[in-house]
Amino acid sequence: TCSSVEETSNSAHAHRELFLHFKQSGFSWVIFFSETVLVHCIQEGGNVVIRFKPVEEPRFHEDDQDLIVRVALANNCTDGFNPLYCTHGVPNDESKVQKYVDLLTSHA
């Protein structure tokens, strides 16, 4: 849940992945990180802003790797409300969605 005020309570650690659901579109996304990150969510005007940064101290060695972020659409009809992607107002089968997310996770 995002807040309209920047607070530490809106921050959380994501150790490998983050699952986001946007009620307005009915879309759910999965974000994969190469390392643990601190995720911060805030509402600015009508927009939701999600910021993240590595938890580790800044790296100064040339053999250090950059943070790698991968994003995938996990479900385009999570709630059944999106008339463009949902058939007769029925959400996608959760067991099939979970199998797809598991496949994405195993190859992330």
PDB file of N, CA and C in Angstrom:
ATOM      1  N   THR A   1       0.840  -1.179   0.000  1.00  0.00           N
ATOM      2  CA  THR A   1       0.000   0.000   0.000  1.00  0.00           C
ATOM      3  C   THR A   1       0.877   1.232   0.000  1.00  0.00           C
ATOM      4  N   CYS A   2       0.572   2.175  -0.851  1.00  0.00           N
ATOM      5  CA  CYS A   2       1.336   3.412  -0.948  1.00  0.00           C
ATOM      6  C   CYS A   2       0.659   4.507  -0.130  1.00  0.00           C
ATOM      7  N   SER A   3       1.446   5.462   0.301  1.00  0.00           N
ATOM      8  CA  SER A   3       0.938   6.580   1.081  1.00  0.00           C
ATOM      9  C   SER A   3       1.159   7.871   0.298  1.00  0.00           C
ATOM     10  N   SER A   4       0.460   8.916   0.688  1.00  0.00           N
ATOM     11  CA  SER A   4       0.684  10.221   0.073  1.00  0.00           C
ATOM     12  C   SER A   4       1.797  10.981   0.793  1.00  0.00           C
ATOM     13  N   VAL A   5       2.326  10.390   1.832  1.00  0.00           N
ATOM     14  CA  VAL A   5       3.406  11.002   2.607  1.00  0.00           C
ATOM     15  C   VAL A   5       4.586  10.050   2.602  1.00  0.00           C
ATOM     16  N   GLU A   6       5.788  10.597   2.416  1.00  0.00           N
ATOM     17  CA  GLU A   6       6.972   9.748   2.400  1.00  0.00           C
ATOM     18  C   GLU A   6       7.298   9.321   3.827  1.00  0.00           C
ATOM     19  N   GLU A   7       7.069   8.049   4.114  1.00  0.00           N
ATOM     20  CA  GLU A   7       7.291   7.505   5.448  1.00  0.00           C
ATOM     21  C   GLU A   7       8.117   6.234   5.333  1.00  0.00           C
ATOM     22  N   THR A   8       8.852   5.915   6.378  1.00  0.00           N
ATOM     23  CA  THR A   8       9.613   4.673   6.361  1.00  0.00           C
ATOM     24  C   THR A   8       8.700   3.461   6.434  1.00  0.00           C
ATOM     25  N   SER A   9       7.475   3.635   6.940  1.00  0.00           N
ATOM     26  CA  SER A   9       6.554   2.504   7.025  1.00  0.00           C
ATOM     27  C   SER A   9       6.130   2.020   5.635  1.00  0.00           C
ATOM     28  N   ASN A  10       6.331   2.825   4.605  1.00  0.00           N
ATOM     29  CA  ASN A  10       6.005   2.433   3.244  1.00  0.00           C
ATOM     30  C   ASN A  10       7.188   1.786   2.546  1.00  0.00           C
ATOM     31  N   SER A  11       8.232   1.459   3.305  1.00  0.00           N
ATOM     32  CA  SER A  11       9.416   0.829   2.750  1.00  0.00           C
ATOM     33  C   SER A  11       9.477  -0.626   3.187  1.00  0.00           C
ATOM     34  N   ALA A  12      10.032  -1.443   2.309  1.00  0.00           N
ATOM     35  CA  ALA A  12      10.185  -2.859   2.623  1.00  0.00           C
ATOM     36  C   ALA A  12      11.367  -3.404   1.850  1.00  0.00           C
ATOM     37  N   HIS A  13      11.941  -4.478   2.363  1.00  0.00           N
ATOM     38  CA  HIS A  13      13.021  -5.151   1.662  1.00  0.00           C
ATOM     39  C   HIS A  13      12.432  -6.186   0.705  1.00  0.00           C
ATOM     40  N   ALA A  14      12.975  -6.229  -0.496  1.00  0.00           N
ATOM     41  CA  ALA A  14      12.637  -7.277  -1.462  1.00  0.00           C
ATOM     42  C   ALA A  14      13.908  -8.088  -1.659  1.00  0.00           C
ATOM     43  N   HIS A  15      13.849  -9.369  -1.287  1.00  0.00           N
ATOM     44  CA  HIS A  15      15.060 -10.186  -1.306  1.00  0.00           C
ATOM     45  C   HIS A  15      15.346 -10.809  -2.664  1.00  0.00           C
ATOM     46  N   ARG A  16      14.363 -11.071  -3.450  1.00  0.00           N
ATOM     47  CA  ARG A  16      14.588 -11.633  -4.778  1.00  0.00           C
ATOM     48  C   ARG A  16      13.553 -11.123  -5.773  1.00  0.00           C
ATOM     49  N   GLU A  17      12.335 -10.971  -5.294  1.00  0.00           N
ATOM     50  CA  GLU A  17      11.271 -10.557  -6.204  1.00  0.00           C
ATOM     51  C   GLU A  17      10.246  -9.701  -5.474  1.00  0.00           C
ATOM     52  N   LEU A  18       9.471  -8.991  -6.269  1.00  0.00           N
ATOM     53  CA  LEU A  18       8.420  -8.125  -5.759  1.00  0.00           C
ATOM     54  C   LEU A  18       7.212  -8.332  -6.654  1.00  0.00           C
ATOM     55  N   PHE A  19       6.047  -8.504  -6.061  1.00  0.00           N
ATOM     56  CA  PHE A  19       4.813  -8.715  -6.802  1.00  0.00           C
ATOM     57  C   PHE A  19       3.948  -7.477  -6.632  1.00  0.00           C
ATOM     58  N   LEU A  20       3.546  -6.862  -7.737  1.00  0.00           N
ATOM     59  CA  LEU A  20       2.736  -5.644  -7.700  1.00  0.00           C
ATOM     60  C   LEU A  20       1.404  -5.885  -8.398  1.00  0.00           C
ATOM     61  N   HIS A  21       0.349  -5.363  -7.801  1.00  0.00           N
ATOM     62  CA  HIS A  21      -0.968  -5.432  -8.422  1.00  0.00           C
ATOM     63  C   HIS A  21      -1.524  -4.016  -8.515  1.00  0.00           C
ATOM     64  N   PHE A  22      -1.962  -3.647  -9.711  1.00  0.00           N
ATOM     65  CA  PHE A  22      -2.541  -2.322  -9.934  1.00  0.00           C
ATOM     66  C   PHE A  22      -4.043  -2.497 -10.156  1.00  0.00           C
ATOM     67  N   LYS A  23      -4.832  -2.033  -9.190  1.00  0.00           N
ATOM     68  CA  LYS A  23      -6.282  -2.240  -9.221  1.00  0.00           C
ATOM     69  C   LYS A  23      -6.940  -1.551 -10.409  1.00  0.00           C
ATOM     70  N   GLN A  24      -6.428  -0.385 -10.825  1.00  0.00           N
ATOM     71  CA  GLN A  24      -7.066   0.360 -11.904  1.00  0.00           C
ATOM     72  C   GLN A  24      -7.049  -0.425 -13.220  1.00  0.00           C
ATOM     73  N   SER A  25      -5.960  -1.149 -13.482  1.00  0.00           N
ATOM     74  CA  SER A  25      -5.838  -1.889 -14.738  1.00  0.00           C
ATOM     75  C   SER A  25      -6.160  -3.366 -14.582  1.00  0.00           C
ATOM     76  N   GLY A  26      -6.071  -3.870 -13.358  1.00  0.00           N
ATOM     77  CA  GLY A  26      -6.222  -5.302 -13.141  1.00  0.00           C
ATOM     78  C   GLY A  26      -4.970  -6.086 -13.461  1.00  0.00           C
ATOM     79  N   PHE A  27      -3.883  -5.390 -13.764  1.00  0.00           N
ATOM     80  CA  PHE A  27      -2.621  -6.046 -14.106  1.00  0.00           C
ATOM     81  C   PHE A  27      -1.827  -6.345 -12.841  1.00  0.00           C
ATOM     82  N   SER A  28      -1.145  -7.475 -12.857  1.00  0.00           N
ATOM     83  CA  SER A  28      -0.198  -7.825 -11.805  1.00  0.00           C
ATOM     84  C   SER A  28       1.161  -8.048 -12.460  1.00  0.00           C
ATOM     85  N   TRP A  29       2.181  -7.558 -11.810  1.00  0.00           N
ATOM     86  CA  TRP A  29       3.544  -7.624 -12.335  1.00  0.00           C
ATOM     87  C   TRP A  29       4.448  -8.282 -11.313  1.00  0.00           C
ATOM     88  N   VAL A  30       5.480  -8.944 -11.787  1.00  0.00           N
ATOM     89  CA  VAL A  30       6.509  -9.481 -10.909  1.00  0.00           C
ATOM     90  C   VAL A  30       7.837  -8.842 -11.329  1.00  0.00           C
ATOM     91  N   ILE A  31       8.563  -8.349 -10.331  1.00  0.00           N
ATOM     92  CA  ILE A  31       9.849  -7.698 -10.569  1.00  0.00           C
ATOM     93  C   ILE A  31      10.917  -8.523  -9.874  1.00  0.00           C
ATOM     94  N   PHE A  32      11.960  -8.878 -10.606  1.00  0.00           N
ATOM     95  CA  PHE A  32      13.055  -9.679 -10.070  1.00  0.00           C
ATOM     96  C   PHE A  32      14.294  -8.796  -9.918  1.00  0.00           C
ATOM     97  N   PHE A  33      15.005  -8.970  -8.812  1.00  0.00           N
ATOM     98  CA  PHE A  33      16.207  -8.202  -8.512  1.00  0.00           C
ATOM     99  C   PHE A  33      17.392  -9.150  -8.360  1.00  0.00           C
ATOM    100  N   SER A  34      18.573  -8.693  -8.746  1.00  0.00           N
ATOM    101  CA  SER A  34      19.776  -9.511  -8.611  1.00  0.00           C
ATOM    102  C   SER A  34      20.317  -9.495  -7.188  1.00  0.00           C
ATOM    103  N   GLU A  35      19.823  -8.597  -6.365  1.00  0.00           N
ATOM    104  CA  GLU A  35      20.242  -8.520  -4.963  1.00  0.00           C
ATOM    105  C   GLU A  35      19.114  -7.884  -4.156  1.00  0.00           C
ATOM    106  N   THR A  36      19.232  -7.943  -2.846  1.00  0.00           N
ATOM    107  CA  THR A  36      18.209  -7.372  -1.976  1.00  0.00           C
ATOM    108  C   THR A  36      18.146  -5.856  -2.171  1.00  0.00           C
ATOM    109  N   VAL A  37      16.929  -5.336  -2.278  1.00  0.00           N
ATOM    110  CA  VAL A  37      16.725  -3.904  -2.447  1.00  0.00           C
ATOM    111  C   VAL A  37      15.736  -3.398  -1.409  1.00  0.00           C
ATOM    112  N   LEU A  38      15.807  -2.118  -1.137  1.00  0.00           N
ATOM    113  CA  LEU A  38      14.821  -1.432  -0.310  1.00  0.00           C
ATOM    114  C   LEU A  38      13.832  -0.790  -1.271  1.00  0.00           C
ATOM    115  N   VAL A  39      12.563  -1.138  -1.124  1.00  0.00           N
ATOM    116  CA  VAL A  39      11.515  -0.635  -2.014  1.00  0.00           C
ATOM    117  C   VAL A  39      10.696   0.392  -1.245  1.00  0.00           C
ATOM    118  N   HIS A  40      10.443   1.527  -1.896  1.00  0.00           N
ATOM    119  CA  HIS A  40       9.648   2.581  -1.270  1.00  0.00           C
ATOM    120  C   HIS A  40       8.545   2.979  -2.237  1.00  0.00           C
ATOM    121  N   CYS A  41       7.322   3.034  -1.744  1.00  0.00           N
ATOM    122  CA  CYS A  41       6.157   3.357  -2.561  1.00  0.00           C
ATOM    123  C   CYS A  41       5.504   4.630  -2.029  1.00  0.00           C
ATOM    124  N   ILE A  42       5.207   5.561  -2.930  1.00  0.00           N
ATOM    125  CA  ILE A  42       4.549   6.805  -2.526  1.00  0.00           C
ATOM    126  C   ILE A  42       3.609   7.261  -3.651  1.00  0.00           C
ATOM    127  N   GLN A  43       2.525   7.910  -3.281  1.00  0.00           N
ATOM    128  CA  GLN A  43       1.619   8.497  -4.258  1.00  0.00           C
ATOM    129  C   GLN A  43       1.972   9.970  -4.411  1.00  0.00           C
ATOM    130  N   GLU A  44       2.217  10.381  -5.648  1.00  0.00           N
ATOM    131  CA  GLU A  44       2.510  11.784  -5.952  1.00  0.00           C
ATOM    132  C   GLU A  44       1.464  12.263  -6.947  1.00  0.00           C
ATOM    133  N   GLY A  45       0.552  13.089  -6.475  1.00  0.00           N
ATOM    134  CA  GLY A  45      -0.557  13.497  -7.333  1.00  0.00           C
ATOM    135  C   GLY A  45      -1.409  12.280  -7.629  1.00  0.00           C
ATOM    136  N   GLY A  46      -1.658  12.013  -8.885  1.00  0.00           N
ATOM    137  CA  GLY A  46      -2.423  10.826  -9.266  1.00  0.00           C
ATOM    138  C   GLY A  46      -1.550   9.646  -9.625  1.00  0.00           C
ATOM    139  N   ASN A  47      -0.245   9.774  -9.425  1.00  0.00           N
ATOM    140  CA  ASN A  47       0.684   8.722  -9.827  1.00  0.00           C
ATOM    141  C   ASN A  47       1.223   7.954  -8.624  1.00  0.00           C
ATOM    142  N   VAL A  48       1.511   6.701  -8.850  1.00  0.00           N
ATOM    143  CA  VAL A  48       2.194   5.879  -7.856  1.00  0.00           C
ATOM    144  C   VAL A  48       3.657   5.800  -8.288  1.00  0.00           C
ATOM    145  N   VAL A  49       4.545   6.136  -7.377  1.00  0.00           N
ATOM    146  CA  VAL A  49       5.979   6.101  -7.655  1.00  0.00           C
ATOM    147  C   VAL A  49       6.590   5.015  -6.781  1.00  0.00           C
ATOM    148  N   ILE A  50       7.310   4.107  -7.420  1.00  0.00           N
ATOM    149  CA  ILE A  50       7.992   3.040  -6.696  1.00  0.00           C
ATOM    150  C   ILE A  50       9.486   3.225  -6.914  1.00  0.00           C
ATOM    151  N   ARG A  51      10.181   3.430  -5.811  1.00  0.00           N
ATOM    152  CA  ARG A  51      11.631   3.616  -5.872  1.00  0.00           C
ATOM    153  C   ARG A  51      12.294   2.436  -5.189  1.00  0.00           C
ATOM    154  N   PHE A  52      13.440   2.044  -5.691  1.00  0.00           N
ATOM    155  CA  PHE A  52      14.184   0.987  -5.025  1.00  0.00           C
ATOM    156  C   PHE A  52      15.673   1.256  -5.159  1.00  0.00           C
ATOM    157  N   LYS A  53      16.415   0.779  -4.162  1.00  0.00           N
ATOM    158  CA  LYS A  53      17.867   0.923  -4.179  1.00  0.00           C
ATOM    159  C   LYS A  53      18.474  -0.282  -3.475  1.00  0.00           C
ATOM    160  N   PRO A  54      19.689  -0.661  -3.878  1.00  0.00           N
ATOM    161  CA  PRO A  54      20.348  -1.797  -3.226  1.00  0.00           C
ATOM    162  C   PRO A  54      20.543  -1.527  -1.738  1.00  0.00           C
ATOM    163  N   VAL A  55      20.438  -2.573  -0.948  1.00  0.00           N
ATOM    164  CA  VAL A  55      20.622  -2.457   0.494  1.00  0.00           C
ATOM    165  C   VAL A  55      22.102  -2.390   0.847  1.00  0.00           C
ATOM    166  N   GLU A  56      22.928  -3.058   0.035  1.00  0.00           N
ATOM    167  CA  GLU A  56      24.370  -3.087   0.285  1.00  0.00           C
ATOM    168  C   GLU A  56      24.960  -1.677   0.198  1.00  0.00           C
ATOM    169  N   GLU A  57      26.111  -1.521   0.828  1.00  0.00           N
ATOM    170  CA  GLU A  57      26.844  -0.260   0.731  1.00  0.00           C
ATOM    171  C   GLU A  57      27.267  -0.033  -0.721  1.00  0.00           C
ATOM    172  N   PRO A  58      27.517   1.202  -1.116  1.00  0.00           N
ATOM    173  CA  PRO A  58      27.976   1.457  -2.488  1.00  0.00           C
ATOM    174  C   PRO A  58      29.231   0.648  -2.796  1.00  0.00           C
ATOM    175  N   ARG A  59      29.319   0.216  -4.033  1.00  0.00           N
ATOM    176  CA  ARG A  59      30.442  -0.624  -4.458  1.00  0.00           C
ATOM    177  C   ARG A  59      31.520   0.229  -5.123  1.00  0.00           C
ATOM    178  N   PHE A  60      32.761  -0.080  -4.798  1.00  0.00           N
ATOM    179  CA  PHE A  60      33.863   0.701  -5.355  1.00  0.00           C
ATOM    180  C   PHE A  60      34.883  -0.157  -6.087  1.00  0.00           C
ATOM    181  N   HIS A  61      34.624  -1.441  -6.213  1.00  0.00           N
ATOM    182  CA  HIS A  61      35.559  -2.335  -6.886  1.00  0.00           C
ATOM    183  C   HIS A  61      35.115  -2.560  -8.315  1.00  0.00           C
ATOM    184  N   GLU A  62      36.067  -2.682  -9.215  1.00  0.00           N
ATOM    185  CA  GLU A  62      35.723  -2.844 -10.628  1.00  0.00           C
ATOM    186  C   GLU A  62      35.066  -4.193 -10.932  1.00  0.00           C
ATOM    187  N   ASP A  63      35.237  -5.197 -10.044  1.00  0.00           N
ATOM    188  CA  ASP A  63      34.611  -6.490 -10.286  1.00  0.00           C
ATOM    189  C   ASP A  63      33.192  -6.578  -9.733  1.00  0.00           C
ATOM    190  N   ASP A  64      32.708  -5.520  -9.114  1.00  0.00           N
ATOM    191  CA  ASP A  64      31.334  -5.501  -8.610  1.00  0.00           C
ATOM    192  C   ASP A  64      30.348  -5.444  -9.772  1.00  0.00           C
ATOM    193  N   GLN A  65      29.213  -6.062  -9.580  1.00  0.00           N
ATOM    194  CA  GLN A  65      28.209  -6.097 -10.626  1.00  0.00           C
ATOM    195  C   GLN A  65      27.126  -5.059 -10.374  1.00  0.00           C
ATOM    196  N   ASP A  66      26.519  -4.607 -11.461  1.00  0.00           N
ATOM    197  CA  ASP A  66      25.403  -3.673 -11.365  1.00  0.00           C
ATOM    198  C   ASP A  66      24.150  -4.403 -10.884  1.00  0.00           C
ATOM    199  N   LEU A  67      23.235  -3.636 -10.336  1.00  0.00           N
ATOM    200  CA  LEU A  67      21.935  -4.173  -9.975  1.00  0.00           C
ATOM    201  C   LEU A  67      21.189  -4.507 -11.265  1.00  0.00           C
ATOM    202  N   ILE A  68      20.670  -5.712 -11.346  1.00  0.00           N
ATOM    203  CA  ILE A  68      19.899  -6.145 -12.513  1.00  0.00           C
ATOM    204  C   ILE A  68      18.441  -6.264 -12.097  1.00  0.00           C
ATOM    205  N   VAL A  69      17.558  -5.630 -12.879  1.00  0.00           N
ATOM    206  CA  VAL A  69      16.130  -5.637 -12.604  1.00  0.00           C
ATOM    207  C   VAL A  69      15.420  -6.183 -13.839  1.00  0.00           C
ATOM    208  N   ARG A  70      14.562  -7.173 -13.625  1.00  0.00           N
ATOM    209  CA  ARG A  70      13.748  -7.739 -14.704  1.00  0.00           C
ATOM    210  C   ARG A  70      12.282  -7.607 -14.304  1.00  0.00           C
ATOM    211  N   VAL A  71      11.446  -7.216 -15.256  1.00  0.00           N
ATOM    212  CA  VAL A  71      10.025  -7.010 -14.989  1.00  0.00           C
ATOM    213  C   VAL A  71       9.209  -7.854 -15.967  1.00  0.00           C
ATOM    214  N   ALA A  72       8.187  -8.526 -15.449  1.00  0.00           N
ATOM    215  CA  ALA A  72       7.328  -9.331 -16.317  1.00  0.00           C
ATOM    216  C   ALA A  72       5.869  -9.150 -15.902  1.00  0.00           C
ATOM    217  N   LEU A  73       5.008  -9.097 -16.894  1.00  0.00           N
ATOM    218  CA  LEU A  73       3.571  -9.075 -16.636  1.00  0.00           C
ATOM    219  C   LEU A  73       3.160 -10.469 -16.180  1.00  0.00           C
ATOM    220  N   ALA A  74       2.628 -10.559 -14.976  1.00  0.00           N
ATOM    221  CA  ALA A  74       2.248 -11.855 -14.418  1.00  0.00           C
ATOM    222  C   ALA A  74       0.796 -12.206 -14.722  1.00  0.00           C
ATOM    223  N   ASN A  75      -0.063 -11.186 -14.798  1.00  0.00           N
ATOM    224  CA  ASN A  75      -1.486 -11.446 -15.000  1.00  0.00           C
ATOM    225  C   ASN A  75      -2.139 -10.180 -15.552  1.00  0.00           C
ATOM    226  N   ASN A  76      -2.820 -10.290 -16.681  1.00  0.00           N
ATOM    227  CA  ASN A  76      -3.479  -9.124 -17.264  1.00  0.00           C
ATOM    228  C   ASN A  76      -4.971  -9.070 -16.931  1.00  0.00           C
ATOM    229  N   CYS A  77      -5.423 -10.012 -16.090  1.00  0.00           N
ATOM    230  CA  CYS A  77      -6.832 -10.032 -15.663  1.00  0.00           C
ATOM    231  C   CYS A  77      -6.906 -10.603 -14.249  1.00  0.00           C
ATOM    232  N   THR A  78      -6.342  -9.877 -13.304  1.00  0.00           N
ATOM    233  CA  THR A  78      -6.254 -10.361 -11.924  1.00  0.00           C
ATOM    234  C   THR A  78      -7.616 -10.342 -11.234  1.00  0.00           C
ATOM    235  N   ASP A  79      -8.389  -9.287 -11.444  1.00  0.00           N
ATOM    236  CA  ASP A  79      -9.664  -9.110 -10.741  1.00  0.00           C
ATOM    237  C   ASP A  79     -10.895  -9.419 -11.588  1.00  0.00           C
ATOM    238  N   GLY A  80     -10.730  -9.434 -12.900  1.00  0.00           N
ATOM    239  CA  GLY A  80     -11.867  -9.654 -13.783  1.00  0.00           C
ATOM    240  C   GLY A  80     -12.566  -8.377 -14.205  1.00  0.00           C
ATOM    241  N   PHE A  81     -12.010  -7.205 -13.851  1.00  0.00           N
ATOM    242  CA  PHE A  81     -12.675  -5.933 -14.138  1.00  0.00           C
ATOM    243  C   PHE A  81     -12.251  -5.273 -15.450  1.00  0.00           C
ATOM    244  N   ASN A  82     -11.154  -5.689 -16.043  1.00  0.00           N
ATOM    245  CA  ASN A  82     -10.652  -5.042 -17.246  1.00  0.00           C
ATOM    246  C   ASN A  82     -11.379  -5.610 -18.466  1.00  0.00           C
ATOM    247  N   PRO A  83     -12.236  -4.806 -19.119  1.00  0.00           N
ATOM    248  CA  PRO A  83     -13.037  -5.325 -20.228  1.00  0.00           C
ATOM    249  C   PRO A  83     -12.203  -5.692 -21.459  1.00  0.00           C
ATOM    250  N   LEU A  84     -10.988  -5.181 -21.560  1.00  0.00           N
ATOM    251  CA  LEU A  84     -10.143  -5.497 -22.715  1.00  0.00           C
ATOM    252  C   LEU A  84      -9.493  -6.869 -22.605  1.00  0.00           C
ATOM    253  N   TYR A  85      -9.235  -7.323 -21.387  1.00  0.00           N
ATOM    254  CA  TYR A  85      -8.471  -8.558 -21.206  1.00  0.00           C
ATOM    255  C   TYR A  85      -9.224  -9.658 -20.470  1.00  0.00           C
ATOM    256  N   CYS A  86     -10.347  -9.338 -19.877  1.00  0.00           N
ATOM    257  CA  CYS A  86     -11.094 -10.329 -19.101  1.00  0.00           C
ATOM    258  C   CYS A  86     -12.333 -10.773 -19.873  1.00  0.00           C
ATOM    259  N   THR A  87     -12.563 -12.064 -19.897  1.00  0.00           N
ATOM    260  CA  THR A  87     -13.722 -12.612 -20.590  1.00  0.00           C
ATOM    261  C   THR A  87     -14.898 -12.708 -19.621  1.00  0.00           C
ATOM    262  N   HIS A  88     -15.967 -11.978 -19.924  1.00  0.00           N
ATOM    263  CA  HIS A  88     -17.204 -12.002 -19.132  1.00  0.00           C
ATOM    264  C   HIS A  88     -16.962 -11.664 -17.661  1.00  0.00           C
ATOM    265  N   GLY A  89     -15.990 -10.794 -17.385  1.00  0.00           N
ATOM    266  CA  GLY A  89     -15.741 -10.359 -16.020  1.00  0.00           C
ATOM    267  C   GLY A  89     -15.146 -11.420 -15.107  1.00  0.00           C
ATOM    268  N   VAL A  90     -14.563 -12.449 -15.690  1.00  0.00           N
ATOM    269  CA  VAL A  90     -13.986 -13.541 -14.898  1.00  0.00           C
ATOM    270  C   VAL A  90     -12.464 -13.388 -14.866  1.00  0.00           C
ATOM    271  N   PRO A  91     -11.868 -13.364 -13.677  1.00  0.00           N
ATOM    272  CA  PRO A  91     -10.406 -13.260 -13.595  1.00  0.00           C
ATOM    273  C   PRO A  91      -9.726 -14.515 -14.140  1.00  0.00           C
ATOM    274  N   ASN A  92      -8.458 -14.366 -14.500  1.00  0.00           N
ATOM    275  CA  ASN A  92      -7.682 -15.511 -14.962  1.00  0.00           C
ATOM    276  C   ASN A  92      -7.576 -16.556 -13.859  1.00  0.00           C
ATOM    277  N   ASP A  93      -7.492 -17.803 -14.259  1.00  0.00           N
ATOM    278  CA  ASP A  93      -7.374 -18.937 -13.331  1.00  0.00           C
ATOM    279  C   ASP A  93      -6.088 -18.780 -12.514  1.00  0.00           C
ATOM    280  N   GLU A  94      -6.247 -18.649 -11.203  1.00  0.00           N
ATOM    281  CA  GLU A  94      -5.100 -18.383 -10.318  1.00  0.00           C
ATOM    282  C   GLU A  94      -4.067 -19.509 -10.355  1.00  0.00           C
ATOM    283  N   SER A  95      -4.505 -20.750 -10.506  1.00  0.00           N
ATOM    284  CA  SER A  95      -3.538 -21.857 -10.543  1.00  0.00           C
ATOM    285  C   SER A  95      -2.667 -21.776 -11.793  1.00  0.00           C
ATOM    286  N   LYS A  96      -3.252 -21.353 -12.922  1.00  0.00           N
ATOM    287  CA  LYS A  96      -2.466 -21.189 -14.152  1.00  0.00           C
ATOM    288  C   LYS A  96      -1.527 -19.994 -14.029  1.00  0.00           C
ATOM    289  N   VAL A  97      -2.010 -18.931 -13.424  1.00  0.00           N
ATOM    290  CA  VAL A  97      -1.161 -17.756 -13.218  1.00  0.00           C
ATOM    291  C   VAL A  97       0.015 -18.128 -12.322  1.00  0.00           C
ATOM    292  N   GLN A  98      -0.235 -18.888 -11.260  1.00  0.00           N
ATOM    293  CA  GLN A  98       0.839 -19.280 -10.346  1.00  0.00           C
ATOM    294  C   GLN A  98       1.876 -20.147 -11.057  1.00  0.00           C
ATOM    295  N   LYS A  99       1.431 -21.042 -11.925  1.00  0.00           N
ATOM    296  CA  LYS A  99       2.376 -21.858 -12.704  1.00  0.00           C
ATOM    297  C   LYS A  99       3.246 -20.974 -13.588  1.00  0.00           C
ATOM    298  N   TYR A 100       2.636 -19.962 -14.193  1.00  0.00           N
ATOM    299  CA  TYR A 100       3.380 -19.029 -15.047  1.00  0.00           C
ATOM    300  C   TYR A 100       4.386 -18.239 -14.220  1.00  0.00           C
ATOM    301  N   VAL A 101       3.979 -17.742 -13.056  1.00  0.00           N
ATOM    302  CA  VAL A 101       4.890 -16.988 -12.174  1.00  0.00           C
ATOM    303  C   VAL A 101       6.022 -17.904 -11.705  1.00  0.00           C
ATOM    304  N   ASP A 102       5.714 -19.144 -11.384  1.00  0.00           N
ATOM    305  CA  ASP A 102       6.754 -20.095 -10.991  1.00  0.00           C
ATOM    306  C   ASP A 102       7.767 -20.295 -12.113  1.00  0.00           C
ATOM    307  N   LEU A 103       7.282 -20.377 -13.350  1.00  0.00           N
ATOM    308  CA  LEU A 103       8.173 -20.516 -14.508  1.00  0.00           C
ATOM    309  C   LEU A 103       9.055 -19.283 -14.656  1.00  0.00           C
ATOM    310  N   LEU A 104       8.459 -18.100 -14.530  1.00  0.00           N
ATOM    311  CA  LEU A 104       9.246 -16.868 -14.598  1.00  0.00           C
ATOM    312  C   LEU A 104      10.308 -16.844 -13.506  1.00  0.00           C
ATOM    313  N   THR A 105       9.920 -17.217 -12.280  1.00  0.00           N
ATOM    314  CA  THR A 105      10.840 -17.198 -11.153  1.00  0.00           C
ATOM    315  C   THR A 105      11.989 -18.177 -11.364  1.00  0.00           C
ATOM    316  N   SER A 106      11.716 -19.329 -11.893  1.00  0.00           N
ATOM    317  CA  SER A 106      12.772 -20.326 -12.076  1.00  0.00           C
ATOM    318  C   SER A 106      13.795 -19.903 -13.122  1.00  0.00           C
ATOM    319  N   HIS A 107      13.421 -18.969 -13.997  1.00  0.00           N
ATOM    320  CA  HIS A 107      14.340 -18.497 -15.032  1.00  0.00           C
ATOM    321  C   HIS A 107      14.821 -17.063 -14.825  1.00  0.00           C
ATOM    322  N   ALA A 108      14.513 -16.516 -13.678  1.00  0.00           N
ATOM    323  CA  ALA A 108      14.905 -15.124 -13.411  1.00  0.00           C
ATOM    324  C   ALA A 108      16.378 -15.026 -13.046  1.00  0.00           C
TER     325      ALA A 108
END
